[in-house]
Each structure stands twice: as C-alpha cells, then as structure tokens.
Amino acid sequence: MASGQPSPQSEYESPQPSTSASCPQLVVDEETPGPSAPWVDPSPPSPVLGRKRRRDWSSVSEEEEEEEEEELQFPEPKETWVVETLGGLRMRLKRRRVSSVLPEHHEVFKRLLEDPVVQRFLAWDKDLRASDKYLLSMVIAYFSRAGLFSWQYRRIHFFLALYLANDMEEDNQAPKQDIFSFLYGKSYFQRPLFHKLRLQFVRSMGWRTWVSPEECEEIQAYDPDLWVWGRDRTLLPRALGTVED
C-alpha cells in the first residue's frame, strides 16, 4: 500500500566515436533510486566512512559540521549499473538501487511476529488500518536502515517502525492513534517517551523514511508464503450499506 511515484527517468544517447563506426551505441536509462533502508541501543553502530568534503575549517559553522558528520554516518544506498536490454549495436543500461535489506532483517521481523503483544495487536487491527502488508514490509525496510544488530531489536522497535510507516503513508491520524490506544489505552503518560524513542530511531536511519512500492514488493517476494503478506486491504469484504425495504 506504500504510496509514492517512481522517479522520472531520463534517457540520453552517448555520441558516436569518430574513429570507429562499429562501436556499440550506449543508451543509459537513469532511474533515480528510492531510499533502500526506535529506541536506539546506547552503543550506536560504528559510523561508516564516506567521502569527506574539502573545506576551510576556519569558516565552517557548527551546523555544517553536524551535517557533514551525519553524511559520514549515514551514506546513501549504493547503486549499480545493470544491462537491461542488448540488441544489435545498441545496449541499454539502467541504474538500480542495491537493496540494503539482508536475510537477517527478515529473520528479525519474523522473530518479532512471534511476540505475544505483537500478535495481539495484529489480531486487534482487524480492519488493517495500521498494519496491512505494505506497512509491515516498511517495518523490515526500516530495520535494515537503523543499523542495529539483530539481537538488539525488541518489541518496541516493531511499533516504532510501524508508527513511522503510518506517519509516512497515511493521510489521517487514526492509524497512529490506534497504535497508541492499543499500547497505552487512554493514558498519555508514556506518549512523550514513545516520541523521543521514535526520533532516535529516525536519526539512526539517517532520516531516510520513504520506501518505494518496488522495495515493498521485493521485501514481500523474499518470503511470499509469510502469513502477514495476506493482510491485504483490497481483499477485505466491504460493509453492506443496503437498506431493507
């Protein structure tokens, strides 16, 4: 159900070399990648080294320093070029995002599905307002981006990730309020702590919260027989609004 439109593609044809007429033409079809991949453990994952921008340290503000540190800690997903079509002297290449979702992230998700509280929530959300298959696949995508070890993920991470998925994809507040209602009832005491953990979790992902529909489908295709992928809103019976005569 994850919304989002694929990025527009641009196509250009490289100029023909003047020295050889037999060299193949290269047509490049660029596809702007989508992002691939909260309570964060007190010992965050080691930062990943990335490209460092040359700059004059004497003229850099503290905000710019923080932005560069975040770029080093949370690099964008890697990309690769793959051959899409090959015919005659023409070859088409497509730039494709390399997914950061690993088998261990799927295993973490399946382990949390066995949690009794998670199971009660999924059974309680009968209308799938907060937990349809696309929102649940986004949970796995977020797990892959948070950078925690598999054993560090707990029940709270499932609900934090699910809350973020609803925050990204749903237009109204009802699904998020459903999560709060299930976890805390009518009490508002724990909600500030939940939001604090949510902010930590988003930061651990490098603020990359958008998940493309294609990535959701890739996640579901990894284990298509997993029972939660049957949580499809389009398959729910519609309420009959007929009036008896």
C-alpha atoms as a PDB file:
ATOM      1  CA  MET A   1       0.000   0.000   0.000  1.00  0.00           C
ATOM      2  CA  ALA A   2       3.034   2.211   0.232  1.00  0.00           C
ATOM      3  CA  SER A   3       2.428   5.242  -1.855  1.00  0.00           C
ATOM      4  CA  GLY A   4       4.960   7.065  -3.943  1.00  0.00           C
ATOM      5  CA  GLN A   5       5.573   7.522  -7.548  1.00  0.00           C
ATOM      6  CA  PRO A   6       8.670   6.141  -9.267  1.00  0.00           C
ATOM      7  CA  SER A   7      11.206   8.772 -10.104  1.00  0.00           C
ATOM      8  CA  PRO A   8      11.125  10.068 -13.646  1.00  0.00           C
ATOM      9  CA  GLN A   9      13.630   8.545 -15.976  1.00  0.00           C
ATOM     10  CA  SER A  10      15.890  10.452 -18.322  1.00  0.00           C
ATOM     11  CA  GLU A  11      17.417   8.894 -21.405  1.00  0.00           C
ATOM     12  CA  TYR A  12      20.248  10.131 -23.494  1.00  0.00           C
ATOM     13  CA  GLU A  13      22.406   8.677 -26.181  1.00  0.00           C
ATOM     14  CA  SER A  14      26.174   8.994 -25.995  1.00  0.00           C
ATOM     15  CA  PRO A  15      27.900  10.488 -29.038  1.00  0.00           C
ATOM     16  CA  GLN A  16      29.357   8.123 -31.635  1.00  0.00           C
ATOM     17  CA  PRO A  17      33.162   7.884 -31.583  1.00  0.00           C
ATOM     18  CA  SER A  18      34.574   9.320 -34.784  1.00  0.00           C
ATOM     19  CA  THR A  19      37.348   6.712 -35.041  1.00  0.00           C
ATOM     20  CA  SER A  20      35.203   3.600 -35.309  1.00  0.00           C
ATOM     21  CA  ALA A  21      31.746   3.085 -36.785  1.00  0.00           C
ATOM     22  CA  SER A  22      31.405  -0.399 -35.285  1.00  0.00           C
ATOM     23  CA  CYS A  23      31.433   0.681 -31.639  1.00  0.00           C
ATOM     24  CA  PRO A  24      28.046  -0.006 -29.990  1.00  0.00           C
ATOM     25  CA  GLN A  25      25.818   2.858 -29.018  1.00  0.00           C
ATOM     26  CA  LEU A  26      25.216   3.156 -25.311  1.00  0.00           C
ATOM     27  CA  VAL A  27      21.795   4.281 -24.193  1.00  0.00           C
ATOM     28  CA  VAL A  28      21.598   4.992 -20.486  1.00  0.00           C
ATOM     29  CA  ASP A  29      18.299   4.873 -18.700  1.00  0.00           C
ATOM     30  CA  GLU A  30      18.756   6.502 -15.344  1.00  0.00           C
ATOM     31  CA  GLU A  31      16.378   5.710 -12.584  1.00  0.00           C
ATOM     32  CA  THR A  32      16.655   7.839  -9.504  1.00  0.00           C
ATOM     33  CA  PRO A  33      16.824   5.380  -6.629  1.00  0.00           C
ATOM     34  CA  GLY A  34      14.486   5.429  -3.750  1.00  0.00           C
ATOM     35  CA  PRO A  35      15.758   5.014  -0.260  1.00  0.00           C
ATOM     36  CA  SER A  36      16.567   1.485   0.287  1.00  0.00           C
ATOM     37  CA  ALA A  37      16.767   1.260   4.166  1.00  0.00           C
ATOM     38  CA  PRO A  38      13.471   3.487  17.653  1.00  0.00           C
ATOM     39  CA  TRP A  39      14.681   3.036  20.579  1.00  0.00           C
ATOM     40  CA  VAL A  40      18.346   3.003  19.732  1.00  0.00           C
ATOM     41  CA  ASP A  41      20.820   0.968  21.715  1.00  0.00           C
ATOM     42  CA  PRO A  42      23.047   3.139  23.968  1.00  0.00           C
ATOM     43  CA  SER A  43      26.048   1.998  21.931  1.00  0.00           C
ATOM     44  CA  PRO A  44      25.201   3.075  18.358  1.00  0.00           C
ATOM     45  CA  PRO A  45      26.697   1.293  15.364  1.00  0.00           C
ATOM     46  CA  SER A  46      30.118   2.326  14.223  1.00  0.00           C
ATOM     47  CA  PRO A  47      29.967   5.154  11.692  1.00  0.00           C
ATOM     48  CA  VAL A  48      30.621   4.225   8.099  1.00  0.00           C
ATOM     49  CA  LEU A  49      33.394   6.095   6.420  1.00  0.00           C
ATOM     50  CA  GLY A  50      32.404   8.099   3.368  1.00  0.00           C
ATOM     51  CA  ARG A  51      33.681  10.863   1.152  1.00  0.00           C
ATOM     52  CA  LYS A  52      34.838  13.914   3.032  1.00  0.00           C
ATOM     53  CA  ARG A  53      34.313  17.327   1.540  1.00  0.00           C
ATOM     54  CA  ARG A  54      37.297  19.634   1.341  1.00  0.00           C
ATOM     55  CA  ARG A  55      36.597  22.855   3.118  1.00  0.00           C
ATOM     56  CA  ASP A  56      38.082  25.729   5.066  1.00  0.00           C
ATOM     57  CA  TRP A  57      37.648  24.706   8.695  1.00  0.00           C
ATOM     58  CA  SER A  58      38.046  28.273   9.877  1.00  0.00           C
ATOM     59  CA  SER A  59      34.869  29.362   8.053  1.00  0.00           C
ATOM     60  CA  VAL A  60      32.581  26.405   8.806  1.00  0.00           C
ATOM     61  CA  SER A  61      29.678  26.743  11.209  1.00  0.00           C
ATOM     62  CA  GLU A  62      28.757  24.127  13.798  1.00  0.00           C
ATOM     63  CA  GLU A  63      25.580  23.258  11.882  1.00  0.00           C
ATOM     64  CA  GLU A  64      27.580  22.494   8.743  1.00  0.00           C
ATOM     65  CA  GLU A  65      29.928  20.310  10.781  1.00  0.00           C
ATOM     66  CA  GLU A  66      26.950  18.335  12.154  1.00  0.00           C
ATOM     67  CA  GLU A  67      25.506  17.910   8.653  1.00  0.00           C
ATOM     68  CA  GLU A  68      28.792  16.534   7.345  1.00  0.00           C
ATOM     69  CA  GLU A  69      29.090  14.147  10.303  1.00  0.00           C
ATOM     70  CA  GLU A  70      25.627  12.788   9.506  1.00  0.00           C
ATOM     71  CA  GLU A  71      26.625  12.303   5.865  1.00  0.00           C
ATOM     72  CA  LEU A  72      29.587  10.224   7.001  1.00  0.00           C
ATOM     73  CA  GLN A  73      27.480   8.151   9.397  1.00  0.00           C
ATOM     74  CA  PHE A  74      24.510   7.582   7.116  1.00  0.00           C
ATOM     75  CA  PRO A  75      25.694   7.269   3.498  1.00  0.00           C
ATOM     76  CA  GLU A  76      23.165   6.874   0.730  1.00  0.00           C
ATOM     77  CA  PRO A  77      22.491   3.339  -0.535  1.00  0.00           C
ATOM     78  CA  LYS A  78      24.931   2.102  -3.114  1.00  0.00           C
ATOM     79  CA  GLU A  79      23.957   1.940  -6.768  1.00  0.00           C
ATOM     80  CA  THR A  80      24.915  -0.408  -9.532  1.00  0.00           C
ATOM     81  CA  TRP A  81      24.549  -0.469 -13.305  1.00  0.00           C
ATOM     82  CA  VAL A  82      22.832  -3.455 -14.865  1.00  0.00           C
ATOM     83  CA  VAL A  83      22.213  -4.354 -18.512  1.00  0.00           C
ATOM     84  CA  GLU A  84      18.505  -4.071 -19.217  1.00  0.00           C
ATOM     85  CA  THR A  85      18.437  -4.850 -22.946  1.00  0.00           C
ATOM     86  CA  LEU A  86      21.021  -5.765 -25.548  1.00  0.00           C
ATOM     87  CA  GLY A  87      20.231  -5.794 -29.239  1.00  0.00           C
ATOM     88  CA  GLY A  88      22.499  -5.356 -32.208  1.00  0.00           C
ATOM     89  CA  LEU A  89      24.773  -2.383 -31.638  1.00  0.00           C
ATOM     90  CA  ARG A  90      22.518  -0.805 -29.022  1.00  0.00           C
ATOM     91  CA  MET A  91      22.749  -1.540 -25.312  1.00  0.00           C
ATOM     92  CA  ARG A  92      20.535  -0.081 -22.614  1.00  0.00           C
ATOM     93  CA  LEU A  93      21.780   0.297 -19.058  1.00  0.00           C
ATOM     94  CA  LYS A  94      19.683   1.012 -16.001  1.00  0.00           C
ATOM     95  CA  ARG A  95      20.944   2.373 -12.721  1.00  0.00           C
ATOM     96  CA  ARG A  96      19.397   0.279  -9.982  1.00  0.00           C
ATOM     97  CA  ARG A  97      19.479   0.707  -6.232  1.00  0.00           C
ATOM     98  CA  VAL A  98      21.201  -2.069  -4.306  1.00  0.00           C
ATOM     99  CA  SER A  99      18.819  -3.013  -1.513  1.00  0.00           C
ATOM    100  CA  SER A 100      20.251  -2.936   1.987  1.00  0.00           C
ATOM    101  CA  VAL A 101      17.699  -5.447   3.284  1.00  0.00           C
ATOM    102  CA  LEU A 102      19.544  -8.591   4.335  1.00  0.00           C
ATOM    103  CA  PRO A 103      18.177 -12.032   5.282  1.00  0.00           C
ATOM    104  CA  GLU A 104      18.893 -11.243   8.927  1.00  0.00           C
ATOM    105  CA  HIS A 105      16.412  -8.346   8.797  1.00  0.00           C
ATOM    106  CA  HIS A 106      13.698 -10.711   7.602  1.00  0.00           C
ATOM    107  CA  GLU A 107      14.581 -13.086  10.440  1.00  0.00           C
ATOM    108  CA  VAL A 108      14.319 -10.275  12.991  1.00  0.00           C
ATOM    109  CA  PHE A 109      10.876  -9.390  11.667  1.00  0.00           C
ATOM    110  CA  LYS A 110       9.667 -12.992  11.838  1.00  0.00           C
ATOM    111  CA  ARG A 111      11.024 -13.310  15.372  1.00  0.00           C
ATOM    112  CA  LEU A 112       9.065 -10.238  16.472  1.00  0.00           C
ATOM    113  CA  LEU A 113       5.910 -11.619  14.827  1.00  0.00           C
ATOM    114  CA  GLU A 114       6.064 -14.373  17.432  1.00  0.00           C
ATOM    115  CA  ASP A 115       5.928 -11.834  20.265  1.00  0.00           C
ATOM    116  CA  PRO A 116       2.559 -12.244  22.043  1.00  0.00           C
ATOM    117  CA  VAL A 117       1.945  -8.471  22.208  1.00  0.00           C
ATOM    118  CA  VAL A 118       2.639  -8.062  18.502  1.00  0.00           C
ATOM    119  CA  GLN A 119       0.350 -10.976  17.717  1.00  0.00           C
ATOM    120  CA  ARG A 120      -2.443  -9.472  19.831  1.00  0.00           C
ATOM    121  CA  PHE A 121      -2.049  -6.145  18.053  1.00  0.00           C
ATOM    122  CA  LEU A 122      -2.259  -7.706  14.590  1.00  0.00           C
ATOM    123  CA  ALA A 123      -5.351  -9.647  15.647  1.00  0.00           C
ATOM    124  CA  TRP A 124      -6.836  -6.486  17.171  1.00  0.00           C
ATOM    125  CA  ASP A 125      -6.289  -4.456  13.977  1.00  0.00           C
ATOM    126  CA  LYS A 126      -8.918  -6.382  12.031  1.00  0.00           C
ATOM    127  CA  ASP A 127      -9.544  -3.603   9.512  1.00  0.00           C
ATOM    128  CA  LEU A 128      -5.795  -3.435   8.697  1.00  0.00           C
ATOM    129  CA  ARG A 129      -5.850   0.319   9.183  1.00  0.00           C
ATOM    130  CA  ALA A 130      -2.414   0.325  10.820  1.00  0.00           C
ATOM    131  CA  SER A 131      -0.859  -2.957   9.730  1.00  0.00           C
ATOM    132  CA  ASP A 132      -1.550  -4.020   6.174  1.00  0.00           C
ATOM    133  CA  LYS A 133       1.121  -5.865   4.196  1.00  0.00           C
ATOM    134  CA  TYR A 134       2.766  -2.755   2.748  1.00  0.00           C
ATOM    135  CA  LEU A 135       3.101  -1.035   6.101  1.00  0.00           C
ATOM    136  CA  LEU A 136       4.559  -4.225   7.564  1.00  0.00           C
ATOM    137  CA  SER A 137       7.071  -4.533   4.725  1.00  0.00           C
ATOM    138  CA  MET A 138       8.173  -0.976   5.514  1.00  0.00           C
ATOM    139  CA  VAL A 139       8.969  -2.175   9.028  1.00  0.00           C
ATOM    140  CA  ILE A 140      11.567  -4.552   7.551  1.00  0.00           C
ATOM    141  CA  ALA A 141      12.980  -1.765   5.395  1.00  0.00           C
ATOM    142  CA  TYR A 142      13.380   0.417   8.485  1.00  0.00           C
ATOM    143  CA  PHE A 143      15.097  -2.394  10.367  1.00  0.00           C
ATOM    144  CA  SER A 144      17.637  -2.602   7.543  1.00  0.00           C
ATOM    145  CA  ARG A 145      18.366   1.133   7.772  1.00  0.00           C
ATOM    146  CA  ALA A 146      18.594   1.521  11.539  1.00  0.00           C
ATOM    147  CA  GLY A 147      21.927  -0.292  11.671  1.00  0.00           C
ATOM    148  CA  LEU A 148      21.304  -2.242  14.877  1.00  0.00           C
ATOM    149  CA  PHE A 149      22.492  -5.769  15.447  1.00  0.00           C
ATOM    150  CA  SER A 150      19.819  -8.436  15.034  1.00  0.00           C
ATOM    151  CA  TRP A 151      19.738  -9.265  18.733  1.00  0.00           C
ATOM    152  CA  GLN A 152      19.161  -5.608  19.655  1.00  0.00           C
ATOM    153  CA  TYR A 153      15.710  -5.367  18.079  1.00  0.00           C
ATOM    154  CA  ARG A 154      12.882  -5.608  20.571  1.00  0.00           C
ATOM    155  CA  ARG A 155       9.114  -5.317  20.579  1.00  0.00           C
ATOM    156  CA  ILE A 156       9.284  -1.525  20.874  1.00  0.00           C
ATOM    157  CA  HIS A 157      11.197  -1.313  17.584  1.00  0.00           C
ATOM    158  CA  PHE A 158       8.336  -3.067  15.792  1.00  0.00           C
ATOM    159  CA  PHE A 159       5.820  -0.485  16.998  1.00  0.00           C
ATOM    160  CA  LEU A 160       8.157   2.455  16.423  1.00  0.00           C
ATOM    161  CA  ALA A 161       8.788   1.328  12.840  1.00  0.00           C
ATOM    162  CA  LEU A 162       5.088   0.663  12.245  1.00  0.00           C
ATOM    163  CA  TYR A 163       4.205   4.100  13.608  1.00  0.00           C
ATOM    164  CA  LEU A 164       6.719   5.690  11.213  1.00  0.00           C
ATOM    165  CA  ALA A 165       5.290   3.725   8.291  1.00  0.00           C
ATOM    166  CA  ASN A 166       1.804   5.030   9.075  1.00  0.00           C
ATOM    167  CA  ASP A 167       3.164   8.534   9.534  1.00  0.00           C
ATOM    168  CA  MET A 168       4.663   8.358   6.038  1.00  0.00           C
ATOM    169  CA  GLU A 169       1.823   6.678   4.163  1.00  0.00           C
ATOM    170  CA  GLU A 170      -1.469   7.539   5.854  1.00  0.00           C
ATOM    171  CA  ASP A 171      -3.248  10.863   5.415  1.00  0.00           C
ATOM    172  CA  ASN A 172      -5.066  10.803   8.741  1.00  0.00           C
ATOM    173  CA  GLN A 173      -4.051  10.349  12.359  1.00  0.00           C
ATOM    174  CA  ALA A 174      -6.402   7.446  13.108  1.00  0.00           C
ATOM    175  CA  PRO A 175      -3.962   4.562  12.464  1.00  0.00           C
ATOM    176  CA  LYS A 176      -1.282   6.142  14.652  1.00  0.00           C
ATOM    177  CA  GLN A 177      -3.824   6.748  17.384  1.00  0.00           C
ATOM    178  CA  ASP A 178      -4.810   3.092  17.088  1.00  0.00           C
ATOM    179  CA  ILE A 179      -1.237   2.123  17.946  1.00  0.00           C
ATOM    180  CA  PHE A 180      -1.251   4.403  20.985  1.00  0.00           C
ATOM    181  CA  SER A 181      -4.662   3.135  22.076  1.00  0.00           C
ATOM    182  CA  PHE A 182      -3.502  -0.451  21.949  1.00  0.00           C
ATOM    183  CA  LEU A 183      -0.213   0.168  23.762  1.00  0.00           C
ATOM    184  CA  TYR A 184      -1.281   2.695  26.389  1.00  0.00           C
ATOM    185  CA  GLY A 185      -5.056   2.805  26.412  1.00  0.00           C
ATOM    186  CA  LYS A 186      -6.318   6.271  27.334  1.00  0.00           C
ATOM    187  CA  SER A 187      -3.146   7.180  29.217  1.00  0.00           C
ATOM    188  CA  TYR A 188      -0.955   9.934  27.773  1.00  0.00           C
ATOM    189  CA  PHE A 189       1.881   9.428  30.243  1.00  0.00           C
ATOM    190  CA  GLN A 190       4.041   7.186  28.012  1.00  0.00           C
ATOM    191  CA  ARG A 191       3.493   9.018  24.729  1.00  0.00           C
ATOM    192  CA  PRO A 192       6.284  11.620  25.147  1.00  0.00           C
ATOM    193  CA  LEU A 193       8.770   8.798  25.765  1.00  0.00           C
ATOM    194  CA  PHE A 194       7.486   6.973  22.687  1.00  0.00           C
ATOM    195  CA  HIS A 195       8.052  10.067  20.536  1.00  0.00           C
ATOM    196  CA  LYS A 196      11.534  10.510  21.972  1.00  0.00           C
ATOM    197  CA  LEU A 197      12.402   6.933  21.016  1.00  0.00           C
ATOM    198  CA  ARG A 198      10.817   7.472  17.594  1.00  0.00           C
ATOM    199  CA  LEU A 199      13.091  10.465  16.984  1.00  0.00           C
ATOM    200  CA  GLN A 200      16.136   8.415  17.977  1.00  0.00           C
ATOM    201  CA  PHE A 201      15.091   5.638  15.635  1.00  0.00           C
ATOM    202  CA  VAL A 202      14.602   8.025  12.698  1.00  0.00           C
ATOM    203  CA  ARG A 203      18.003   9.554  13.351  1.00  0.00           C
ATOM    204  CA  SER A 204      19.603   6.098  13.380  1.00  0.00           C
ATOM    205  CA  MET A 205      18.169   5.597   9.868  1.00  0.00           C
ATOM    206  CA  GLY A 206      19.721   8.836   8.620  1.00  0.00           C
ATOM    207  CA  TRP A 207      16.216  10.347   8.253  1.00  0.00           C
ATOM    208  CA  ARG A 208      15.508   8.061   5.279  1.00  0.00           C
ATOM    209  CA  THR A 209      11.863   7.158   5.898  1.00  0.00           C
ATOM    210  CA  TRP A 210      10.428   6.902   2.376  1.00  0.00           C
ATOM    211  CA  VAL A 211      10.124   3.381   0.990  1.00  0.00           C
ATOM    212  CA  SER A 212       9.216   2.810  -2.645  1.00  0.00           C
ATOM    213  CA  PRO A 213       6.419   0.406  -3.662  1.00  0.00           C
ATOM    214  CA  GLU A 214       9.001  -1.601  -5.602  1.00  0.00           C
ATOM    215  CA  GLU A 215      11.083  -2.150  -2.469  1.00  0.00           C
ATOM    216  CA  CYS A 216       7.994  -3.228  -0.528  1.00  0.00           C
ATOM    217  CA  GLU A 217       7.235  -5.806  -3.209  1.00  0.00           C
ATOM    218  CA  GLU A 218      10.841  -7.017  -3.184  1.00  0.00           C
ATOM    219  CA  ILE A 219      10.639  -7.485   0.580  1.00  0.00           C
ATOM    220  CA  GLN A 220       7.416  -9.462   0.302  1.00  0.00           C
ATOM    221  CA  ALA A 221       8.825 -11.590  -2.519  1.00  0.00           C
ATOM    222  CA  TYR A 222      11.696 -12.760  -0.300  1.00  0.00           C
ATOM    223  CA  ASP A 223       9.297 -14.993   1.656  1.00  0.00           C
ATOM    224  CA  PRO A 224       5.983 -14.873  -0.236  1.00  0.00           C
ATOM    225  CA  ASP A 225       4.363 -17.519   1.967  1.00  0.00           C
ATOM    226  CA  LEU A 226       4.760 -15.498   5.171  1.00  0.00           C
ATOM    227  CA  TRP A 227       1.271 -15.216   6.637  1.00  0.00           C
ATOM    228  CA  VAL A 228       1.319 -11.422   7.190  1.00  0.00           C
ATOM    229  CA  TRP A 229       1.557 -10.793   3.440  1.00  0.00           C
ATOM    230  CA  GLY A 230      -2.058 -11.939   3.277  1.00  0.00           C
ATOM    231  CA  ARG A 231      -3.078  -8.781   5.155  1.00  0.00           C
ATOM    232  CA  ASP A 232      -4.357  -7.038   2.027  1.00  0.00           C
ATOM    233  CA  ARG A 233      -6.979  -4.307   2.415  1.00  0.00           C
ATOM    234  CA  THR A 234      -8.287  -4.877  -1.079  1.00  0.00           C
ATOM    235  CA  LEU A 235      -9.345  -8.388  -0.066  1.00  0.00           C
ATOM    236  CA  LEU A 236     -11.416  -7.287   2.913  1.00  0.00           C
ATOM    237  CA  PRO A 237     -15.171  -7.712   2.471  1.00  0.00           C
ATOM    238  CA  ARG A 238     -16.913  -4.396   2.079  1.00  0.00           C
ATOM    239  CA  ALA A 239     -19.600  -3.484   4.544  1.00  0.00           C
ATOM    240  CA  LEU A 240     -23.064  -3.755   3.029  1.00  0.00           C
ATOM    241  CA  GLY A 241     -24.874  -0.459   3.042  1.00  0.00           C
ATOM    242  CA  THR A 242     -28.207  -1.715   1.741  1.00  0.00           C
ATOM    243  CA  VAL A 243     -31.389  -0.735   3.414  1.00  0.00           C
ATOM    244  CA  GLU A 244     -34.122  -3.290   3.817  1.00  0.00           C
ATOM    245  CA  ASP A 245     -37.425  -2.439   2.178  1.00  0.00           C
END
